[in-house]
């Protein structure tokens, strides 16, 4: 169980779900005590989720920074109204913390003004795009979740100097965004009068196929994978590709344990088998990693000698 050479840092992505204010505050108090190195804060899915204001996010950021974490503020992914654009501008104008841009409009606001990170929703598919963004101030990019290991390997070879790479390694995959709110529609409610039904689903609303197979998760205007992406078994390969940061996406339970398992694996304190077993016990819905292997995203390819399973 040797320590992986040149271990990457661990990051915690923004909370993708709608949780009560007290739960969010308590969650980040616990995160401050974990081994995660980088924390992304803010609402990235729906502007109606306003239990925390910008001032509250900055207060949380101050506390996490005092605990030794690198903190970034994340922008909304889908901008649909002037009020949302105004909120994004105010976020980008803060000078205390760097920004994770989840929309190209945020990139335009930040270009030449301050360093920024692009989130997985920004379509960075080749090294030429990376170079354009680097010229505008990109400090780190997150690999879009639908891209494969082979695509990443090609991009890493021509990655601009000074730009870090981050990979989404654990959590339900954010697959798509829509102007419609699927959670409200599931309750026969209009989007403008959703009654904040997302609060009823702290890890999203699970959607089954007619054959009763778990298929997708509805999270307001966001669609996610039903299974959690898990690249824990690919850590050696990821490190070998020169990836700088591994991203864990928060879930309502056991996030601290997930961070600890990844940290112990990176440090060589857990074998790959023991780490996978520990993670399987605390992950609802099972795991997938198909996109990484150029296979359908919902597939699980954990046995390298075997074909992917559905």
Protein backbone atom coordinates (compact mmCIF):
# COMPACT_ATOMS: atom_id res chain seq x y z
CA UNK A 1 0.00 0.00 0.00
CA UNK A 2 2.58 2.52 -1.12
CA UNK A 3 1.65 6.18 -1.19
CA UNK A 4 0.77 7.29 -4.71
CA UNK A 5 3.60 9.35 -6.15
CA UNK A 6 2.99 13.10 -6.30
CA UNK A 7 -0.47 12.81 -4.77
CA UNK A 8 -2.99 15.32 -6.16
CA UNK A 9 -5.01 17.55 -3.88
CA UNK A 10 -8.62 16.80 -2.97
CA UNK A 11 -11.40 19.26 -3.67
CA UNK A 12 -15.04 19.39 -2.62
CA UNK A 13 -17.36 20.68 -5.32
CA UNK A 14 -20.34 22.94 -4.64
CA UNK A 15 -23.45 21.41 -3.07
CA UNK A 16 -25.68 20.57 -6.03
CA UNK A 17 -28.84 20.06 -3.95
CA UNK A 18 -31.18 22.32 -1.99
CA UNK A 19 -30.57 21.88 1.73
CA UNK A 20 -31.93 23.93 4.65
CA UNK A 21 -29.70 26.78 5.79
CA UNK A 22 -28.75 25.12 9.08
CA UNK A 23 -27.76 21.90 7.30
CA UNK A 24 -25.47 23.81 4.93
CA UNK A 25 -23.78 25.68 7.79
CA UNK A 26 -23.30 22.50 9.83
CA UNK A 27 -22.01 20.67 6.76
CA UNK A 28 -19.22 23.16 6.14
CA UNK A 29 -18.29 23.22 9.82
CA UNK A 30 -17.58 19.50 9.40
CA UNK A 31 -15.79 20.03 6.07
CA UNK A 32 -13.37 22.41 7.81
CA UNK A 33 -12.10 19.43 9.83
CA UNK A 34 -11.58 17.11 6.86
CA UNK A 35 -8.53 16.45 4.70
CA UNK A 36 -10.01 18.20 1.66
CA UNK A 37 -7.71 20.94 0.33
CA UNK A 38 -10.05 23.00 -1.87
CA UNK A 39 -13.70 23.91 -1.31
CA UNK A 40 -16.13 25.37 -3.86
CA UNK A 41 -19.07 27.32 -2.41
CA UNK A 42 -22.29 28.68 -3.86
CA UNK A 43 -25.50 27.88 -5.69
CA UNK A 44 -24.85 26.50 -9.16
CA UNK A 45 -28.24 24.98 -10.08
CA UNK A 46 -31.24 27.22 -9.32
CA UNK A 47 -31.44 30.91 -8.42
CA UNK A 48 -34.60 30.29 -6.38
CA UNK A 49 -32.53 28.48 -3.77
CA UNK A 50 -31.85 31.52 -1.62
CA UNK A 51 -31.57 30.24 1.94
CA UNK A 52 -28.03 31.66 1.89
CA UNK A 53 -27.14 35.11 0.55
CA UNK A 54 -23.83 36.12 -0.99
CA UNK A 55 -22.80 37.54 2.38
CA UNK A 56 -23.48 34.16 3.99
CA UNK A 57 -21.38 32.31 1.42
CA UNK A 58 -18.51 34.74 1.97
CA UNK A 59 -18.78 34.25 5.73
CA UNK A 60 -18.55 30.49 5.21
CA UNK A 61 -15.62 31.05 2.85
CA UNK A 62 -13.80 33.11 5.48
CA UNK A 63 -14.22 30.33 8.03
CA UNK A 64 -12.97 27.63 5.67
CA UNK A 65 -10.02 29.78 4.60
CA UNK A 66 -9.12 30.25 8.26
CA UNK A 67 -9.09 26.44 8.52
CA UNK A 68 -6.46 26.31 5.78
CA UNK A 69 -8.68 25.54 2.79
CA UNK A 70 -8.40 27.13 -0.65
CA UNK A 71 -11.91 28.51 -1.21
CA UNK A 72 -13.60 29.50 -4.46
CA UNK A 73 -17.08 30.88 -5.09
CA UNK A 74 -19.07 29.09 -7.82
CA UNK A 75 -21.41 30.78 -10.29
CA UNK A 76 -24.82 29.66 -11.52
CA UNK A 77 -24.62 27.29 -14.50
CA UNK A 78 -27.67 28.42 -16.48
CA UNK A 79 -28.44 32.15 -16.65
CA UNK A 80 -32.07 32.83 -17.62
CA UNK A 81 -32.95 36.27 -16.23
CA UNK A 82 -31.50 39.72 -15.74
CA UNK A 83 -31.61 39.25 -11.97
CA UNK A 84 -29.45 36.13 -12.30
CA UNK A 85 -26.98 38.01 -14.48
CA UNK A 86 -26.80 40.76 -11.87
CA UNK A 87 -26.15 38.24 -9.10
CA UNK A 88 -23.39 36.65 -11.17
CA UNK A 89 -21.77 40.05 -11.73
CA UNK A 90 -21.80 40.78 -7.99
CA UNK A 91 -20.22 37.41 -7.31
CA UNK A 92 -17.50 37.97 -9.89
CA UNK A 93 -16.78 41.45 -8.52
CA UNK A 94 -15.86 40.11 -5.08
CA UNK A 95 -12.12 40.43 -4.57
CA UNK A 96 -11.73 38.15 -1.58
CA UNK A 97 -12.00 34.79 -3.37
CA UNK A 98 -11.40 33.40 -6.83
CA UNK A 99 -14.34 32.23 -8.93
CA UNK A 100 -15.37 28.95 -10.48
CA UNK A 101 -17.07 29.99 -13.72
CA UNK A 102 -19.82 27.57 -14.68
CA UNK A 103 -21.05 29.66 -17.59
CA UNK A 104 -19.09 31.31 -20.38
CA UNK A 105 -20.70 34.62 -19.42
CA UNK A 106 -18.87 34.43 -16.10
CA UNK A 107 -15.63 33.79 -18.02
CA UNK A 108 -16.24 36.97 -20.01
CA UNK A 109 -16.71 38.95 -16.80
CA UNK A 110 -13.55 37.53 -15.24
CA UNK A 111 -11.25 37.59 -18.28
CA UNK A 112 -8.29 39.86 -17.61
CA UNK A 113 -9.68 40.83 -14.20
CA UNK A 114 -8.67 37.93 -11.93
CA UNK A 115 -7.63 34.25 -12.16
CA UNK A 116 -10.54 31.82 -12.46
CA UNK A 117 -11.45 28.14 -12.67
CA UNK A 118 -13.86 26.65 -15.19
CA UNK A 119 -16.34 24.09 -13.85
CA UNK A 120 -17.36 20.83 -15.55
CA UNK A 121 -20.30 22.50 -17.33
CA UNK A 122 -17.99 24.69 -19.46
CA UNK A 123 -17.30 22.88 -22.73
CA UNK A 124 -13.52 22.54 -22.74
CA UNK A 125 -12.97 19.75 -25.26
CA UNK A 126 -9.49 20.42 -26.68
CA UNK A 127 -6.17 22.08 -25.92
CA UNK A 128 -6.94 25.04 -28.17
CA UNK A 129 -9.86 26.01 -25.96
CA UNK A 130 -7.60 25.64 -22.93
CA UNK A 131 -5.10 28.03 -24.51
CA UNK A 132 -7.78 30.63 -25.26
CA UNK A 133 -8.98 30.45 -21.65
CA UNK A 134 -5.42 30.50 -20.30
CA UNK A 135 -4.82 33.74 -22.19
CA UNK A 136 -7.85 35.16 -20.35
CA UNK A 137 -6.68 34.13 -16.87
CA UNK A 138 -7.59 30.45 -16.44
CA UNK A 139 -5.76 28.90 -13.47
CA UNK A 140 -7.52 25.52 -13.38
CA UNK A 141 -10.10 23.66 -15.44
CA UNK A 142 -12.40 20.79 -14.51
CA UNK A 143 -12.68 18.02 -17.09
CA UNK A 144 -16.28 17.83 -18.41
CA UNK A 145 -17.76 14.67 -16.92
CA UNK A 146 -18.64 13.12 -20.29
CA UNK A 147 -15.05 13.07 -21.54
CA UNK A 148 -12.83 10.01 -21.39
CA UNK A 149 -9.44 9.14 -20.01
CA UNK A 150 -8.00 9.07 -23.54
CA UNK A 151 -9.28 12.57 -24.32
CA UNK A 152 -7.78 13.85 -21.08
CA UNK A 153 -4.44 12.21 -21.88
CA UNK A 154 -4.32 13.99 -25.24
CA UNK A 155 -5.21 17.34 -23.69
CA UNK A 156 -2.67 16.96 -20.91
CA UNK A 157 0.14 16.65 -23.45
CA UNK A 158 -0.61 20.14 -24.79
CA UNK A 159 -1.95 21.77 -21.63
CA UNK A 160 -0.82 25.42 -21.33
CA UNK A 161 1.88 26.12 -18.78
CA UNK A 162 0.57 27.21 -15.40
CA UNK A 163 -2.91 25.70 -15.87
CA UNK A 164 -3.98 22.97 -13.44
CA UNK A 165 -6.33 20.07 -14.24
CA UNK A 166 -9.13 18.86 -11.97
CA UNK A 167 -11.16 15.68 -12.46
CA UNK A 168 -14.60 14.84 -11.05
CA UNK A 169 -13.90 11.52 -9.30
CA UNK A 170 -16.89 10.90 -7.04
CA UNK A 171 -20.58 11.75 -6.95
CA UNK A 172 -23.68 11.75 -9.11
CA UNK A 173 -22.78 13.20 -12.48
CA UNK A 174 -24.34 16.55 -13.48
CA UNK A 175 -25.48 15.63 -16.99
CA UNK A 176 -27.76 18.39 -18.26
CA UNK A 177 -29.59 21.63 -17.40
CA UNK A 178 -32.95 22.86 -18.65
CA UNK A 179 -35.14 25.94 -18.44
CA UNK A 180 -37.80 23.62 -16.99
CA UNK A 181 -37.83 22.42 -13.38
CA UNK A 182 -38.31 18.67 -13.48
CA UNK A 183 -38.84 18.35 -9.73
CA UNK A 184 -41.72 20.82 -9.82
CA UNK A 185 -43.18 19.10 -12.88
CA UNK A 186 -43.07 15.75 -11.09
CA UNK A 187 -45.44 17.30 -8.52
CA UNK A 188 -47.63 18.98 -11.17
CA UNK A 189 -46.38 22.40 -10.10
CA UNK A 190 -45.27 25.27 -12.33
CA UNK A 191 -41.64 26.31 -12.08
CA UNK A 192 -42.56 29.76 -10.74
CA UNK A 193 -44.58 28.18 -7.94
CA UNK A 194 -42.45 25.13 -7.20
CA UNK A 195 -43.03 25.41 -3.42
CA UNK A 196 -39.32 24.55 -3.04
CA UNK A 197 -40.02 20.84 -3.47
CA UNK A 198 -36.27 20.24 -3.94
CA UNK A 199 -36.01 20.53 -0.16
CA UNK A 200 -37.81 17.18 0.03
CA UNK A 201 -35.01 15.46 -1.87
CA UNK A 202 -31.61 16.11 -0.25
CA UNK A 203 -29.92 13.90 -2.86
CA UNK A 204 -32.33 14.51 -5.73
CA UNK A 205 -35.46 12.69 -6.93
CA UNK A 206 -34.64 9.22 -8.25
CA UNK A 207 -36.18 8.30 -11.61
CA UNK A 208 -36.69 4.65 -12.57
CA UNK A 209 -37.29 3.16 -15.99
CA UNK A 210 -40.44 1.12 -16.69
CA UNK A 211 -38.31 -1.93 -15.94
CA UNK A 212 -37.66 -0.47 -12.45
CA UNK A 213 -34.01 0.22 -13.19
CA UNK A 214 -32.54 3.31 -11.54
CA UNK A 215 -31.80 5.64 -14.44
CA UNK A 216 -31.54 9.35 -13.60
CA UNK A 217 -31.91 11.77 -10.71
CA UNK A 218 -34.00 14.92 -11.04
CA UNK A 219 -32.55 17.89 -9.18
CA UNK A 220 -34.66 20.90 -10.10
CA UNK A 221 -33.50 22.05 -13.54
CA UNK A 222 -30.52 19.70 -13.38
CA UNK A 223 -30.47 16.06 -14.49
CA UNK A 224 -27.95 13.75 -12.83
CA UNK A 225 -26.86 10.14 -13.12
CA UNK A 226 -28.59 7.72 -10.77
CA UNK A 227 -25.32 6.00 -9.98
CA UNK A 228 -22.42 7.87 -8.45
CA UNK A 229 -19.35 8.24 -10.61
CA UNK A 230 -16.43 6.55 -8.86
CA UNK A 231 -12.87 6.87 -10.15
CA UNK A 232 -11.20 5.74 -6.94
CA UNK A 233 -9.83 2.68 -8.69
CA UNK A 234 -8.33 4.89 -11.39
CA UNK A 235 -6.26 7.00 -8.98
CA UNK A 236 -2.92 5.56 -10.10
CA UNK A 237 -3.75 6.28 -13.73
CA UNK A 238 -5.07 9.76 -12.93
CA UNK A 239 -1.91 10.63 -11.03
CA UNK A 240 0.16 9.31 -13.91
CA UNK A 241 -1.65 11.68 -16.27
CA UNK A 242 -0.49 14.65 -14.20
CA UNK A 243 -3.88 15.59 -12.78
CA UNK A 244 -3.55 18.16 -10.00
CA UNK A 245 -6.93 17.96 -8.21
CA UNK A 246 -9.53 15.24 -7.58
CA UNK A 247 -13.09 16.52 -7.06
CA UNK A 248 -15.61 14.94 -4.72
CA UNK A 249 -19.23 16.05 -5.05
CA UNK A 250 -21.16 16.44 -1.76
CA UNK A 251 -24.01 14.14 -0.81
CA UNK A 252 -26.32 14.56 2.17
CA UNK A 253 -24.71 11.72 4.12
CA UNK A 254 -21.18 10.34 4.51
CA UNK A 255 -19.32 13.04 2.58
CA UNK A 256 -16.72 13.21 5.33
CA UNK A 257 -16.22 9.44 5.07
CA UNK A 258 -15.83 9.67 1.30
CA UNK A 259 -13.14 12.33 1.71
CA UNK A 260 -11.37 10.20 4.29
CA UNK A 261 -11.40 7.11 2.04
CA UNK A 262 -9.91 9.02 -0.91
CA UNK A 263 -7.33 10.64 1.36
CA UNK A 264 -6.30 7.32 2.88
CA UNK A 265 -6.06 5.73 -0.56
CA UNK A 266 -3.87 8.57 -1.86
CA UNK A 267 -1.64 8.28 1.20
CA UNK A 268 -1.31 4.53 0.80
CA UNK A 269 -3.10 3.81 4.07
CA UNK A 270 -5.81 1.79 2.29
CA UNK A 271 -5.38 -0.76 -0.48
CA UNK A 272 -7.41 -0.27 -3.65
CA UNK A 273 -9.64 -3.22 -2.73
CA UNK A 274 -10.30 -2.06 0.83
CA UNK A 275 -10.96 1.50 -0.32
CA UNK A 276 -13.47 0.33 -2.95
CA UNK A 277 -15.25 -1.86 -0.40
CA UNK A 278 -15.49 0.98 2.11
CA UNK A 279 -16.85 3.36 -0.52
CA UNK A 280 -19.42 0.87 -1.80
CA UNK A 281 -20.95 0.59 1.68
CA UNK A 282 -21.80 4.31 1.87
CA UNK A 283 -22.82 5.08 -1.72
CA UNK A 284 -26.55 5.02 -2.55
CA UNK A 285 -27.45 3.55 -5.92
CA UNK A 286 -24.10 2.00 -6.79
CA UNK A 287 -21.19 3.22 -8.88
CA UNK A 288 -20.40 3.94 -12.53
CA UNK A 289 -17.37 5.09 -14.52
CA UNK A 290 -18.26 4.35 -18.13
CA UNK A 291 -17.36 7.74 -19.58
CA UNK A 292 -13.80 7.41 -18.32
CA UNK A 293 -13.44 4.22 -20.39
CA UNK A 294 -15.13 5.51 -23.57
CA UNK A 295 -18.24 3.51 -22.71
CA UNK A 296 -21.83 4.55 -21.87
CA UNK A 297 -21.67 6.66 -18.73
CA UNK A 298 -23.91 4.44 -16.64
CA UNK A 299 -21.64 1.42 -17.15
CA UNK A 300 -19.35 0.10 -14.44
CA UNK A 301 -15.85 -0.89 -15.58
CA UNK A 302 -14.16 -1.73 -12.30
CA UNK A 303 -12.66 -5.02 -13.47
CA UNK A 304 -10.08 -3.98 -16.05
CA UNK A 305 -9.99 -7.48 -17.52
CA UNK A 306 -13.75 -7.67 -17.96
CA UNK A 307 -16.22 -5.86 -20.18
CA UNK A 308 -18.27 -3.06 -18.66
CA UNK A 309 -21.53 -4.04 -17.01
CA UNK A 310 -24.82 -2.16 -17.10
